[in-house]
Amino acid sequence: SIGYGWDDPEVAHALRWTCSNATNFLLHGENHSVSDIEVDTIGHISTVKLQQGDYSGRSSGMEQRVTCEIKADKSTKVILFDLKQTNLNESGVSESPSSGDTEVAAVSFQVHIPGLTISMIDNVSDSRPGREILLVSSDGWSIFFSQTREAYHEFEFKLSTFQIDNFIHAAEHPVLLHSPLVTEPFLHLSLVRRLQDNNDTHDISYIALRILEIDICFDRKTAETIAQFISPLHKAQEDQTNESWVQELTSKMSLNYSKSNRRAPRDIEKFIHSANACRIHVEHLHLHPIRLSLTFTQEWSRRNQETEGFVFFQIIRGMASISEAPLTFTSFVVSHAFESPTSLMGIIS
């Protein structure tokens, strides 16, 4: 018997099932010949016990149970029924299962890094010694990973503090980025993944991300100075491009769209295939709210030709000074999401 609640979005998606040879007995007031399973929860298992012996009534010394499990197979959810047989001893107690289930090895490791520091040195000019302009410091790195015998991967990442100090000469703000709260980790990421037989589908039971409040303080001179170090990388990328990319793009387009009897272009078919072939099931996703405090000081600065190709600097040149402007990204909570990585990132962003 099947009972669907899918017409009403407020009702849980449930499946009630039984077997024709199920044992009809009551235990603590419950009928164990009928079982319910939650279709939305991948990994949920329900069991129905069969009558002892075969259909002719002869005892076979085996206890048989039928299990119903929800699994993810690439782009679809499947309901898998399996027959489990257990040997019975003389007293009628079940022994170890006769079917050889593979046992998952239990592994765990933990890594602690006291601190990590990155310094940016201004050594462009040959006439004067190098000067430190930015210092990125972070303390309390903690990485934990474990694989349990219940076929789960557990991952946890913590970062206690994170700060960027501004040592640019005559800068208005000595600290570019920091978190005023130090009682809890600055960044905390937790993830629990359920192992699947199919590697194309990732079943994530729980994932949570929390970032503490961040204060960002900078001025126009700081932005112009940082742009001088980004500009050589931007120019090197432009120098690598030549006119050969036009011929490569033309030949690629002619190859992809040469067949007129195709229903859709190859790029669209590839996008549809990737969206359906590799999906991620997220049982619980919780992104905690992110709060930013933005301070910007507008000041006169000599026009820098290195920043002409960046849209960001064209915007800040016309900005007014702001002080501790709050910027909040609200929390994001999802339950039983079954989407492709591209679709899921598009929804979150």
C-alpha atoms as a PDB file:
ATOM      1  CA  SER A   1       0.000   0.000   0.000  1.00  0.00           C
ATOM      2  CA  ILE A   2       1.299   3.471  -0.880  1.00  0.00           C
ATOM      3  CA  GLY A   3       0.333   6.740   0.756  1.00  0.00           C
ATOM      4  CA  TYR A   4       1.533   9.925  -0.948  1.00  0.00           C
ATOM      5  CA  GLY A   5       1.525  13.380   0.552  1.00  0.00           C
ATOM      6  CA  TRP A   6       3.112  15.100  -2.426  1.00  0.00           C
ATOM      7  CA  ASP A   7       0.097  17.141  -3.482  1.00  0.00           C
ATOM      8  CA  ASP A   8       0.363  19.222  -0.316  1.00  0.00           C
ATOM      9  CA  PRO A   9       3.770  20.905   0.126  1.00  0.00           C
ATOM     10  CA  GLU A  10       3.237  21.093   3.897  1.00  0.00           C
ATOM     11  CA  VAL A  11       2.916  17.302   4.189  1.00  0.00           C
ATOM     12  CA  ALA A  12       6.058  15.167   4.367  1.00  0.00           C
ATOM     13  CA  HIS A  13       6.830  12.924   1.391  1.00  0.00           C
ATOM     14  CA  ALA A  14       6.249   9.481   2.897  1.00  0.00           C
ATOM     15  CA  LEU A  15       5.930   5.982   1.507  1.00  0.00           C
ATOM     16  CA  ARG A  16       4.106   3.204   3.384  1.00  0.00           C
ATOM     17  CA  TRP A  17       4.918  -0.295   2.205  1.00  0.00           C
ATOM     18  CA  THR A  18       4.571  -3.957   3.187  1.00  0.00           C
ATOM     19  CA  CYS A  19       5.236  -7.466   1.838  1.00  0.00           C
ATOM     20  CA  SER A  20       2.757 -10.237   1.105  1.00  0.00           C
ATOM     21  CA  ASN A  21       4.670 -12.641   3.378  1.00  0.00           C
ATOM     22  CA  ALA A  22       5.235 -10.150   6.195  1.00  0.00           C
ATOM     23  CA  THR A  23       4.823 -11.261   9.796  1.00  0.00           C
ATOM     24  CA  ASN A  24       1.653  -9.766  11.243  1.00  0.00           C
ATOM     25  CA  PHE A  25       2.422  -9.259  14.914  1.00  0.00           C
ATOM     26  CA  LEU A  26       2.139  -6.441  17.415  1.00  0.00           C
ATOM     27  CA  LEU A  27       5.103  -5.264  19.472  1.00  0.00           C
ATOM     28  CA  HIS A  28       4.495  -2.510  22.029  1.00  0.00           C
ATOM     29  CA  GLY A  29       1.247  -1.703  20.269  1.00  0.00           C
ATOM     30  CA  GLU A  30       2.853  -1.255  16.825  1.00  0.00           C
ATOM     31  CA  ASN A  31       2.269  -3.348  13.724  1.00  0.00           C
ATOM     32  CA  HIS A  32       5.698  -4.387  12.365  1.00  0.00           C
ATOM     33  CA  SER A  33       4.314  -5.851   9.141  1.00  0.00           C
ATOM     34  CA  VAL A  34       3.891  -2.321   7.718  1.00  0.00           C
ATOM     35  CA  SER A  35       6.691   0.231   7.535  1.00  0.00           C
ATOM     36  CA  ASP A  36       6.975   3.898   6.594  1.00  0.00           C
ATOM     37  CA  ILE A  37       9.926   5.604   4.916  1.00  0.00           C
ATOM     38  CA  GLU A  38      10.704   9.291   4.307  1.00  0.00           C
ATOM     39  CA  VAL A  39      11.342   9.792   0.604  1.00  0.00           C
ATOM     40  CA  ASP A  40      13.059  13.183   1.049  1.00  0.00           C
ATOM     41  CA  THR A  41      15.724  11.801   3.399  1.00  0.00           C
ATOM     42  CA  ILE A  42      18.430  10.017   1.424  1.00  0.00           C
ATOM     43  CA  GLY A  43      19.848   7.186   3.520  1.00  0.00           C
ATOM     44  CA  HIS A  44      16.624   6.570   5.471  1.00  0.00           C
ATOM     45  CA  ILE A  45      15.995   2.840   6.035  1.00  0.00           C
ATOM     46  CA  SER A  46      12.902   0.961   7.147  1.00  0.00           C
ATOM     47  CA  THR A  47      12.496  -2.795   7.681  1.00  0.00           C
ATOM     48  CA  VAL A  48       9.675  -5.358   7.495  1.00  0.00           C
ATOM     49  CA  LYS A  49      10.104  -8.818   9.034  1.00  0.00           C
ATOM     50  CA  LEU A  50       9.000 -11.846   7.001  1.00  0.00           C
ATOM     51  CA  GLN A  51       7.476 -15.037   8.372  1.00  0.00           C
ATOM     52  CA  GLN A  52       9.945 -17.755   9.383  1.00  0.00           C
ATOM     53  CA  GLY A  53      10.124 -20.694   6.967  1.00  0.00           C
ATOM     54  CA  ASP A  54       9.193 -20.942   3.317  1.00  0.00           C
ATOM     55  CA  TYR A  55       5.787 -20.647   1.711  1.00  0.00           C
ATOM     56  CA  SER A  56       5.010 -24.330   2.499  1.00  0.00           C
ATOM     57  CA  GLY A  57       5.302 -23.648   6.231  1.00  0.00           C
ATOM     58  CA  ARG A  58       8.551 -25.549   6.832  1.00  0.00           C
ATOM     59  CA  SER A  59      11.045 -23.814   9.116  1.00  0.00           C
ATOM     60  CA  SER A  60      14.314 -22.949   7.430  1.00  0.00           C
ATOM     61  CA  GLY A  61      16.247 -21.733  10.504  1.00  0.00           C
ATOM     62  CA  MET A  62      16.607 -18.305   8.875  1.00  0.00           C
ATOM     63  CA  GLU A  63      15.078 -14.979   9.791  1.00  0.00           C
ATOM     64  CA  GLN A  64      14.305 -12.867   6.753  1.00  0.00           C
ATOM     65  CA  ARG A  65      13.833  -9.114   6.675  1.00  0.00           C
ATOM     66  CA  VAL A  66      13.160  -6.801   3.762  1.00  0.00           C
ATOM     67  CA  THR A  67      14.803  -3.384   3.989  1.00  0.00           C
ATOM     68  CA  CYS A  68      13.733  -0.318   2.063  1.00  0.00           C
ATOM     69  CA  GLU A  69      16.370   2.421   1.618  1.00  0.00           C
ATOM     70  CA  ILE A  70      16.378   5.793  -0.151  1.00  0.00           C
ATOM     71  CA  LYS A  71      19.539   6.347  -2.212  1.00  0.00           C
ATOM     72  CA  ALA A  72      20.786   8.868  -4.753  1.00  0.00           C
ATOM     73  CA  ASP A  73      21.761   7.539  -8.179  1.00  0.00           C
ATOM     74  CA  LYS A  74      23.342  10.352 -10.216  1.00  0.00           C
ATOM     75  CA  SER A  75      20.461  12.729 -10.956  1.00  0.00           C
ATOM     76  CA  THR A  76      17.560  10.761  -9.422  1.00  0.00           C
ATOM     77  CA  LYS A  77      16.431   9.328  -6.117  1.00  0.00           C
ATOM     78  CA  VAL A  78      15.868   5.581  -6.046  1.00  0.00           C
ATOM     79  CA  ILE A  79      14.007   3.330  -3.608  1.00  0.00           C
ATOM     80  CA  LEU A  80      16.036   0.155  -3.094  1.00  0.00           C
ATOM     81  CA  PHE A  81      14.508  -2.999  -1.610  1.00  0.00           C
ATOM     82  CA  ASP A  82      16.871  -5.651  -0.274  1.00  0.00           C
ATOM     83  CA  LEU A  83      16.382  -9.049   1.371  1.00  0.00           C
ATOM     84  CA  LYS A  84      18.446  -9.670   4.515  1.00  0.00           C
ATOM     85  CA  GLN A  85      18.832 -13.182   5.944  1.00  0.00           C
ATOM     86  CA  THR A  86      19.985 -13.909   9.495  1.00  0.00           C
ATOM     87  CA  ASN A  87      20.793 -17.304  11.010  1.00  0.00           C
ATOM     88  CA  LEU A  88      18.798 -18.378  14.068  1.00  0.00           C
ATOM     89  CA  ASN A  89      20.372 -20.443  16.848  1.00  0.00           C
ATOM     90  CA  GLU A  90      18.576 -23.075  18.919  1.00  0.00           C
ATOM     91  CA  SER A  91      17.059 -20.500  21.249  1.00  0.00           C
ATOM     92  CA  GLY A  92      15.673 -18.542  18.297  1.00  0.00           C
ATOM     93  CA  VAL A  93      18.055 -15.583  18.659  1.00  0.00           C
ATOM     94  CA  SER A  94      19.429 -14.104  15.446  1.00  0.00           C
ATOM     95  CA  GLU A  95      23.153 -14.426  14.807  1.00  0.00           C
ATOM     96  CA  SER A  96      25.437 -12.507  12.469  1.00  0.00           C
ATOM     97  CA  PRO A  97      24.051 -11.837   8.967  1.00  0.00           C
ATOM     98  CA  SER A  98      24.862 -14.400   6.322  1.00  0.00           C
ATOM     99  CA  SER A  99      25.397 -11.797   3.639  1.00  0.00           C
ATOM    100  CA  GLY A 100      28.881 -10.322   3.750  1.00  0.00           C
ATOM    101  CA  ASP A 101      28.511  -6.591   4.212  1.00  0.00           C
ATOM    102  CA  THR A 102      31.660  -4.583   3.582  1.00  0.00           C
ATOM    103  CA  GLU A 103      32.953  -2.898   6.710  1.00  0.00           C
ATOM    104  CA  VAL A 104      34.261   0.646   6.454  1.00  0.00           C
ATOM    105  CA  ALA A 105      37.579   1.312   8.154  1.00  0.00           C
ATOM    106  CA  ALA A 106      37.583   3.960  10.882  1.00  0.00           C
ATOM    107  CA  VAL A 107      40.213   6.645  10.254  1.00  0.00           C
ATOM    108  CA  SER A 108      40.725  10.046  11.857  1.00  0.00           C
ATOM    109  CA  PHE A 109      43.433  12.686  11.915  1.00  0.00           C
ATOM    110  CA  GLN A 110      43.771  16.229  13.205  1.00  0.00           C
ATOM    111  CA  VAL A 111      46.128  19.042  12.208  1.00  0.00           C
ATOM    112  CA  HIS A 112      46.924  22.126  14.303  1.00  0.00           C
ATOM    113  CA  ILE A 113      48.879  25.109  12.983  1.00  0.00           C
ATOM    114  CA  PRO A 114      49.654  27.785  15.609  1.00  0.00           C
ATOM    115  CA  GLY A 115      49.866  30.612  13.083  1.00  0.00           C
ATOM    116  CA  LEU A 116      50.443  31.624   9.489  1.00  0.00           C
ATOM    117  CA  THR A 117      51.775  35.009   8.344  1.00  0.00           C
ATOM    118  CA  ILE A 118      52.124  36.494   4.842  1.00  0.00           C
ATOM    119  CA  SER A 119      53.963  39.767   4.271  1.00  0.00           C
ATOM    120  CA  MET A 120      53.815  41.990   1.163  1.00  0.00           C
ATOM    121  CA  ILE A 121      56.999  43.937   0.483  1.00  0.00           C
ATOM    122  CA  ASP A 122      57.292  46.989  -1.777  1.00  0.00           C
ATOM    123  CA  ASN A 123      60.619  46.480  -3.597  1.00  0.00           C
ATOM    124  CA  VAL A 124      59.693  48.001  -6.978  1.00  0.00           C
ATOM    125  CA  SER A 125      62.137  50.883  -6.691  1.00  0.00           C
ATOM    126  CA  ASP A 126      65.855  50.104  -6.911  1.00  0.00           C
ATOM    127  CA  SER A 127      66.860  53.387  -5.265  1.00  0.00           C
ATOM    128  CA  ARG A 128      65.411  52.571  -1.832  1.00  0.00           C
ATOM    129  CA  PRO A 129      65.178  49.394   0.249  1.00  0.00           C
ATOM    130  CA  GLY A 130      62.032  47.300   0.339  1.00  0.00           C
ATOM    131  CA  ARG A 131      59.256  48.330   2.692  1.00  0.00           C
ATOM    132  CA  GLU A 132      56.512  46.185   4.166  1.00  0.00           C
ATOM    133  CA  ILE A 133      53.075  47.485   3.215  1.00  0.00           C
ATOM    134  CA  LEU A 134      50.670  44.684   4.189  1.00  0.00           C
ATOM    135  CA  LEU A 135      50.826  41.925   6.783  1.00  0.00           C
ATOM    136  CA  VAL A 136      48.267  39.091   6.737  1.00  0.00           C
ATOM    137  CA  SER A 137      48.296  37.208  10.046  1.00  0.00           C
ATOM    138  CA  SER A 138      46.138  34.290  11.145  1.00  0.00           C
ATOM    139  CA  ASP A 139      46.262  32.187  14.316  1.00  0.00           C
ATOM    140  CA  GLY A 140      44.740  28.935  15.480  1.00  0.00           C
ATOM    141  CA  TRP A 141      44.353  26.766  12.369  1.00  0.00           C
ATOM    142  CA  SER A 142      42.579  23.500  13.176  1.00  0.00           C
ATOM    143  CA  ILE A 143      41.634  20.794  10.656  1.00  0.00           C
ATOM    144  CA  PHE A 144      39.859  17.589  11.663  1.00  0.00           C
ATOM    145  CA  PHE A 145      38.835  14.687   9.406  1.00  0.00           C
ATOM    146  CA  SER A 146      37.418  11.290  10.310  1.00  0.00           C
ATOM    147  CA  GLN A 147      35.817   8.307   8.619  1.00  0.00           C
ATOM    148  CA  THR A 148      33.483   6.323  10.864  1.00  0.00           C
ATOM    149  CA  ARG A 149      32.471   2.684  10.652  1.00  0.00           C
ATOM    150  CA  GLU A 150      28.932   3.880   9.912  1.00  0.00           C
ATOM    151  CA  ALA A 151      30.237   5.108   6.503  1.00  0.00           C
ATOM    152  CA  TYR A 152      30.373   8.820   7.291  1.00  0.00           C
ATOM    153  CA  HIS A 153      33.012  11.437   6.541  1.00  0.00           C
ATOM    154  CA  GLU A 154      33.288  14.198   9.129  1.00  0.00           C
ATOM    155  CA  PHE A 155      35.257  17.375   8.379  1.00  0.00           C
ATOM    156  CA  GLU A 156      35.753  20.423  10.574  1.00  0.00           C
ATOM    157  CA  PHE A 157      37.847  23.537   9.961  1.00  0.00           C
ATOM    158  CA  LYS A 158      38.454  26.338  12.478  1.00  0.00           C
ATOM    159  CA  LEU A 159      40.396  29.586  12.216  1.00  0.00           C
ATOM    160  CA  SER A 160      40.702  31.482  15.488  1.00  0.00           C
ATOM    161  CA  THR A 161      41.809  34.951  14.322  1.00  0.00           C
ATOM    162  CA  PHE A 162      42.421  36.705  11.014  1.00  0.00           C
ATOM    163  CA  GLN A 163      43.781  40.219  10.510  1.00  0.00           C
ATOM    164  CA  ILE A 164      45.366  42.354   7.780  1.00  0.00           C
ATOM    165  CA  ASP A 165      47.608  45.196   8.995  1.00  0.00           C
ATOM    166  CA  ASN A 166      48.198  48.240   6.792  1.00  0.00           C
ATOM    167  CA  PHE A 167      51.789  49.598   6.871  1.00  0.00           C
ATOM    168  CA  ILE A 168      51.479  51.926   3.879  1.00  0.00           C
ATOM    169  CA  HIS A 169      53.113  55.251   4.624  1.00  0.00           C
ATOM    170  CA  ALA A 170      50.653  57.911   5.866  1.00  0.00           C
ATOM    171  CA  ALA A 171      47.654  55.547   5.592  1.00  0.00           C
ATOM    172  CA  GLU A 172      44.537  56.655   7.438  1.00  0.00           C
ATOM    173  CA  HIS A 173      43.744  53.216   8.891  1.00  0.00           C
ATOM    174  CA  PRO A 174      46.515  51.004  10.341  1.00  0.00           C
ATOM    175  CA  VAL A 175      44.292  47.897  10.279  1.00  0.00           C
ATOM    176  CA  LEU A 176      42.721  46.960   6.968  1.00  0.00           C
ATOM    177  CA  LEU A 177      40.619  43.985   8.104  1.00  0.00           C
ATOM    178  CA  HIS A 178      39.979  42.372  11.474  1.00  0.00           C
ATOM    179  CA  SER A 179      37.269  40.843  13.618  1.00  0.00           C
ATOM    180  CA  PRO A 180      36.390  42.634  16.889  1.00  0.00           C
ATOM    181  CA  LEU A 181      35.167  39.384  18.479  1.00  0.00           C
ATOM    182  CA  VAL A 182      37.900  37.061  19.747  1.00  0.00           C
ATOM    183  CA  THR A 183      35.947  34.802  22.127  1.00  0.00           C
ATOM    184  CA  GLU A 184      34.997  32.364  19.354  1.00  0.00           C
ATOM    185  CA  PRO A 185      36.725  31.150  16.146  1.00  0.00           C
ATOM    186  CA  PHE A 186      36.702  33.690  13.339  1.00  0.00           C
ATOM    187  CA  LEU A 187      35.765  31.011  10.784  1.00  0.00           C
ATOM    188  CA  HIS A 188      34.098  27.677  11.533  1.00  0.00           C
ATOM    189  CA  LEU A 189      33.142  25.127   8.871  1.00  0.00           C
ATOM    190  CA  SER A 190      31.515  21.769   9.655  1.00  0.00           C
ATOM    191  CA  LEU A 191      30.629  19.084   7.124  1.00  0.00           C
ATOM    192  CA  VAL A 192      29.266  15.535   7.422  1.00  0.00           C
ATOM    193  CA  ARG A 193      29.101  13.387   4.300  1.00  0.00           C
ATOM    194  CA  ARG A 194      27.443   9.989   3.925  1.00  0.00           C
ATOM    195  CA  LEU A 195      29.376   7.577   1.707  1.00  0.00           C
ATOM    196  CA  GLN A 196      27.538   6.370  -1.387  1.00  0.00           C
ATOM    197  CA  ASP A 197      28.073   3.383  -3.666  1.00  0.00           C
ATOM    198  CA  ASN A 198      27.819   5.749  -6.627  1.00  0.00           C
ATOM    199  CA  ASN A 199      30.718   8.205  -6.673  1.00  0.00           C
ATOM    200  CA  ASP A 200      28.883  10.542  -9.074  1.00  0.00           C
ATOM    201  CA  THR A 201      26.469  11.594  -6.312  1.00  0.00           C
ATOM    202  CA  HIS A 202      27.605  13.299  -3.119  1.00  0.00           C
ATOM    203  CA  ASP A 203      25.309  12.882  -0.115  1.00  0.00           C
ATOM    204  CA  ILE A 204      25.995  15.602   2.453  1.00  0.00           C
ATOM    205  CA  SER A 205      24.088  15.131   5.684  1.00  0.00           C
ATOM    206  CA  TYR A 206      25.078  18.424   7.294  1.00  0.00           C
ATOM    207  CA  ILE A 207      27.100  21.495   6.353  1.00  0.00           C
ATOM    208  CA  ALA A 208      27.374  24.753   8.282  1.00  0.00           C
ATOM    209  CA  LEU A 209      29.502  27.874   7.824  1.00  0.00           C
ATOM    210  CA  ARG A 210      29.906  30.679  10.318  1.00  0.00           C
ATOM    211  CA  ILE A 211      32.052  33.820   9.966  1.00  0.00           C
ATOM    212  CA  LEU A 212      32.213  36.372  12.755  1.00  0.00           C
ATOM    213  CA  GLU A 213      31.701  40.095  12.314  1.00  0.00           C
ATOM    214  CA  ILE A 214      34.332  41.752  10.098  1.00  0.00           C
ATOM    215  CA  ASP A 215      35.546  45.362  10.178  1.00  0.00           C
ATOM    216  CA  ILE A 216      37.005  46.653   6.877  1.00  0.00           C
ATOM    217  CA  CYS A 217      38.793  50.026   6.927  1.00  0.00           C
ATOM    218  CA  PHE A 218      40.700  51.469   3.971  1.00  0.00           C
ATOM    219  CA  ASP A 219      41.318  54.723   2.122  1.00  0.00           C
ATOM    220  CA  ARG A 220      41.927  55.714  -1.482  1.00  0.00           C
ATOM    221  CA  LYS A 221      45.693  55.840  -1.088  1.00  0.00           C
ATOM    222  CA  THR A 222      45.752  52.255   0.148  1.00  0.00           C
ATOM    223  CA  ALA A 223      43.655  51.113  -2.798  1.00  0.00           C
ATOM    224  CA  GLU A 224      45.889  52.928  -5.303  1.00  0.00           C
ATOM    225  CA  THR A 225      49.037  51.426  -3.775  1.00  0.00           C
ATOM    226  CA  ILE A 226      47.685  47.886  -3.867  1.00  0.00           C
ATOM    227  CA  ALA A 227      46.704  48.404  -7.506  1.00  0.00           C
ATOM    228  CA  GLN A 228      50.361  48.948  -8.436  1.00  0.00           C
ATOM    229  CA  PHE A 229      51.096  45.348  -7.427  1.00  0.00           C
ATOM    230  CA  ILE A 230      48.058  43.887  -9.178  1.00  0.00           C
ATOM    231  CA  SER A 231      48.688  45.739 -12.425  1.00  0.00           C
ATOM    232  CA  PRO A 232      51.768  43.688 -13.553  1.00  0.00           C
ATOM    233  CA  LEU A 233      49.754  40.483 -13.216  1.00  0.00           C
ATOM    234  CA  HIS A 234      46.935  42.010 -15.224  1.00  0.00           C
ATOM    235  CA  LYS A 235      49.323  43.185 -17.956  1.00  0.00           C
ATOM    236  CA  ALA A 236      51.048  39.796 -18.133  1.00  0.00           C
ATOM    237  CA  GLN A 237      47.697  38.171 -18.778  1.00  0.00           C
ATOM    238  CA  GLU A 238      46.924  40.649 -21.551  1.00  0.00           C
ATOM    239  CA  ASP A 239      50.321  40.080 -23.188  1.00  0.00           C
ATOM    240  CA  GLN A 240      49.739  36.333 -23.370  1.00  0.00           C
ATOM    241  CA  THR A 241      46.659  36.807 -25.531  1.00  0.00           C
ATOM    242  CA  ASN A 242      47.185  37.250 -29.252  1.00  0.00           C
ATOM    243  CA  GLU A 243      45.084  37.189 -32.382  1.00  0.00           C
ATOM    244  CA  SER A 244      45.268  33.380 -32.625  1.00  0.00           C
ATOM    245  CA  TRP A 245      42.352  33.086 -30.202  1.00  0.00           C
ATOM    246  CA  VAL A 246      40.045  34.466 -32.914  1.00  0.00           C
ATOM    247  CA  GLN A 247      40.888  31.590 -35.264  1.00  0.00           C
ATOM    248  CA  GLU A 248      40.582  29.044 -32.460  1.00  0.00           C
ATOM    249  CA  LEU A 249      37.182  30.393 -31.448  1.00  0.00           C
ATOM    250  CA  THR A 250      35.950  30.444 -35.052  1.00  0.00           C
ATOM    251  CA  SER A 251      37.048  26.852 -35.710  1.00  0.00           C
ATOM    252  CA  LYS A 252      35.501  25.695 -32.448  1.00  0.00           C
ATOM    253  CA  MET A 253      32.169  27.354 -33.220  1.00  0.00           C
ATOM    254  CA  SER A 254      32.109  25.944 -36.744  1.00  0.00           C
ATOM    255  CA  LEU A 255      32.740  22.456 -35.370  1.00  0.00           C
ATOM    256  CA  ASN A 256      30.087  22.690 -32.668  1.00  0.00           C
ATOM    257  CA  TYR A 257      27.330  24.214 -34.798  1.00  0.00           C
ATOM    258  CA  SER A 258      28.056  22.621 -38.188  1.00  0.00           C
ATOM    259  CA  LYS A 259      25.231  20.067 -37.870  1.00  0.00           C
ATOM    260  CA  SER A 260      21.915  21.717 -38.586  1.00  0.00           C
ATOM    261  CA  ASN A 261      19.762  18.787 -37.441  1.00  0.00           C
ATOM    262  CA  ARG A 262      20.765  19.146 -33.792  1.00  0.00           C
ATOM    263  CA  ARG A 263      17.976  20.099 -31.386  1.00  0.00           C
ATOM    264  CA  ALA A 264      20.226  22.246 -29.209  1.00  0.00           C
ATOM    265  CA  PRO A 265      23.795  23.564 -29.383  1.00  0.00           C
ATOM    266  CA  ARG A 266      26.507  21.423 -27.881  1.00  0.00           C
ATOM    267  CA  ASP A 267      27.235  23.924 -25.113  1.00  0.00           C
ATOM    268  CA  ILE A 268      23.630  23.847 -23.949  1.00  0.00           C
ATOM    269  CA  GLU A 269      23.489  20.054 -24.088  1.00  0.00           C
ATOM    270  CA  LYS A 270      26.734  19.856 -22.117  1.00  0.00           C
ATOM    271  CA  PHE A 271      25.348  22.222 -19.489  1.00  0.00           C
ATOM    272  CA  ILE A 272      22.126  20.194 -19.177  1.00  0.00           C
ATOM    273  CA  HIS A 273      24.057  16.946 -18.956  1.00  0.00           C
ATOM    274  CA  SER A 274      26.406  18.252 -16.268  1.00  0.00           C
ATOM    275  CA  ALA A 275      23.466  19.629 -14.286  1.00  0.00           C
ATOM    276  CA  ASN A 276      21.689  16.264 -14.291  1.00  0.00           C
ATOM    277  CA  ALA A 277      24.608  13.824 -14.228  1.00  0.00           C
ATOM    278  CA  CYS A 278      26.305  15.008 -11.023  1.00  0.00           C
ATOM    279  CA  ARG A 279      24.006  16.260  -8.303  1.00  0.00           C
ATOM    280  CA  ILE A 280      24.604  16.942  -4.641  1.00  0.00           C
ATOM    281  CA  HIS A 281      22.100  15.988  -1.982  1.00  0.00           C
ATOM    282  CA  VAL A 282      22.286  18.319   1.023  1.00  0.00           C
ATOM    283  CA  GLU A 283      20.118  17.216   3.902  1.00  0.00           C
ATOM    284  CA  HIS A 284      20.817  20.272   6.069  1.00  0.00           C
ATOM    285  CA  LEU A 285      22.655  23.429   4.943  1.00  0.00           C
ATOM    286  CA  HIS A 286      23.065  26.359   7.315  1.00  0.00           C
ATOM    287  CA  LEU A 287      24.964  29.512   6.370  1.00  0.00           C
ATOM    288  CA  HIS A 288      25.054  31.830   9.356  1.00  0.00           C
ATOM    289  CA  PRO A 289      24.584  35.570   8.749  1.00  0.00           C
ATOM    290  CA  ILE A 290      27.706  37.552   7.819  1.00  0.00           C
ATOM    291  CA  ARG A 291      27.981  41.084   9.183  1.00  0.00           C
ATOM    292  CA  LEU A 292      30.433  43.596   7.747  1.00  0.00           C
ATOM    293  CA  SER A 293      31.345  47.067   8.955  1.00  0.00           C
ATOM    294  CA  LEU A 294      32.776  49.174   6.128  1.00  0.00           C
ATOM    295  CA  THR A 295      34.801  52.360   6.596  1.00  0.00           C
ATOM    296  CA  PHE A 296      36.225  54.271   3.620  1.00  0.00           C
ATOM    297  CA  THR A 297      38.117  57.569   3.689  1.00  0.00           C
ATOM    298  CA  GLN A 298      38.127  59.588   0.482  1.00  0.00           C
ATOM    299  CA  GLU A 299      41.194  61.771  -0.019  1.00  0.00           C
ATOM    300  CA  TRP A 300      43.129  63.413  -2.777  1.00  0.00           C
ATOM    301  CA  SER A 301      45.516  61.118  -4.534  1.00  0.00           C
ATOM    302  CA  ARG A 302      47.579  61.453  -7.662  1.00  0.00           C
ATOM    303  CA  ARG A 303      45.894  59.775 -10.607  1.00  0.00           C
ATOM    304  CA  ASN A 304      47.498  56.400 -11.165  1.00  0.00           C
ATOM    305  CA  GLN A 305      47.625  55.090 -14.717  1.00  0.00           C
ATOM    306  CA  GLU A 306      47.911  51.531 -13.374  1.00  0.00           C
ATOM    307  CA  THR A 307      44.286  51.604 -12.189  1.00  0.00           C
ATOM    308  CA  GLU A 308      42.698  52.712 -15.465  1.00  0.00           C
ATOM    309  CA  GLY A 309      41.630  49.193 -16.448  1.00  0.00           C
ATOM    310  CA  PHE A 310      39.889  48.334 -13.161  1.00  0.00           C
ATOM    311  CA  VAL A 311      36.210  49.149 -12.694  1.00  0.00           C
ATOM    312  CA  PHE A 312      36.565  49.003  -8.907  1.00  0.00           C
ATOM    313  CA  PHE A 313      38.876  52.035  -8.829  1.00  0.00           C
ATOM    314  CA  GLN A 314      36.610  53.982 -11.141  1.00  0.00           C
ATOM    315  CA  ILE A 315      33.866  53.510  -8.556  1.00  0.00           C
ATOM    316  CA  ILE A 316      35.846  54.493  -5.457  1.00  0.00           C
ATOM    317  CA  ARG A 317      37.095  57.698  -7.113  1.00  0.00           C
ATOM    318  CA  GLY A 318      33.537  59.006  -7.035  1.00  0.00           C
ATOM    319  CA  MET A 319      32.636  57.643  -3.603  1.00  0.00           C
ATOM    320  CA  ALA A 320      32.133  59.787  -0.536  1.00  0.00           C
ATOM    321  CA  SER A 321      33.717  58.946   2.794  1.00  0.00           C
ATOM    322  CA  ILE A 322      31.721  56.476   4.885  1.00  0.00           C
ATOM    323  CA  SER A 323      32.197  55.425   8.503  1.00  0.00           C
ATOM    324  CA  GLU A 324      31.182  52.029   9.944  1.00  0.00           C
ATOM    325  CA  ALA A 325      28.503  51.364   7.351  1.00  0.00           C
ATOM    326  CA  PRO A 326      26.763  48.071   8.237  1.00  0.00           C
ATOM    327  CA  LEU A 327      26.429  45.410   5.553  1.00  0.00           C
ATOM    328  CA  THR A 328      24.630  42.197   6.480  1.00  0.00           C
ATOM    329  CA  PHE A 329      24.172  38.972   4.536  1.00  0.00           C
ATOM    330  CA  THR A 330      21.221  37.150   6.037  1.00  0.00           C
ATOM    331  CA  SER A 331      21.317  33.510   7.050  1.00  0.00           C
ATOM    332  CA  PHE A 332      20.552  30.810   4.503  1.00  0.00           C
ATOM    333  CA  VAL A 333      18.951  27.517   5.588  1.00  0.00           C
ATOM    334  CA  VAL A 334      18.154  24.640   3.232  1.00  0.00           C
ATOM    335  CA  SER A 335      16.756  21.177   3.905  1.00  0.00           C
ATOM    336  CA  HIS A 336      16.800  18.219   1.493  1.00  0.00           C
ATOM    337  CA  ALA A 337      18.297  20.051  -1.490  1.00  0.00           C
ATOM    338  CA  PHE A 338      19.046  17.820  -4.503  1.00  0.00           C
ATOM    339  CA  GLU A 339      20.681  20.047  -7.098  1.00  0.00           C
ATOM    340  CA  SER A 340      23.758  20.260  -9.278  1.00  0.00           C
ATOM    341  CA  PRO A 341      26.748  22.210  -7.886  1.00  0.00           C
ATOM    342  CA  THR A 342      26.184  24.970 -10.463  1.00  0.00           C
ATOM    343  CA  SER A 343      22.513  25.383  -9.565  1.00  0.00           C
ATOM    344  CA  LEU A 344      23.203  25.237  -5.832  1.00  0.00           C
ATOM    345  CA  MET A 345      25.901  27.915  -5.994  1.00  0.00           C
ATOM    346  CA  GLY A 346      23.600  30.081  -8.112  1.00  0.00           C
ATOM    347  CA  ILE A 347      20.846  29.836  -5.501  1.00  0.00           C
ATOM    348  CA  ILE A 348      23.202  30.665  -2.619  1.00  0.00           C
ATOM    349  CA  SER A 349      24.863  33.596  -4.385  1.00  0.00           C
END
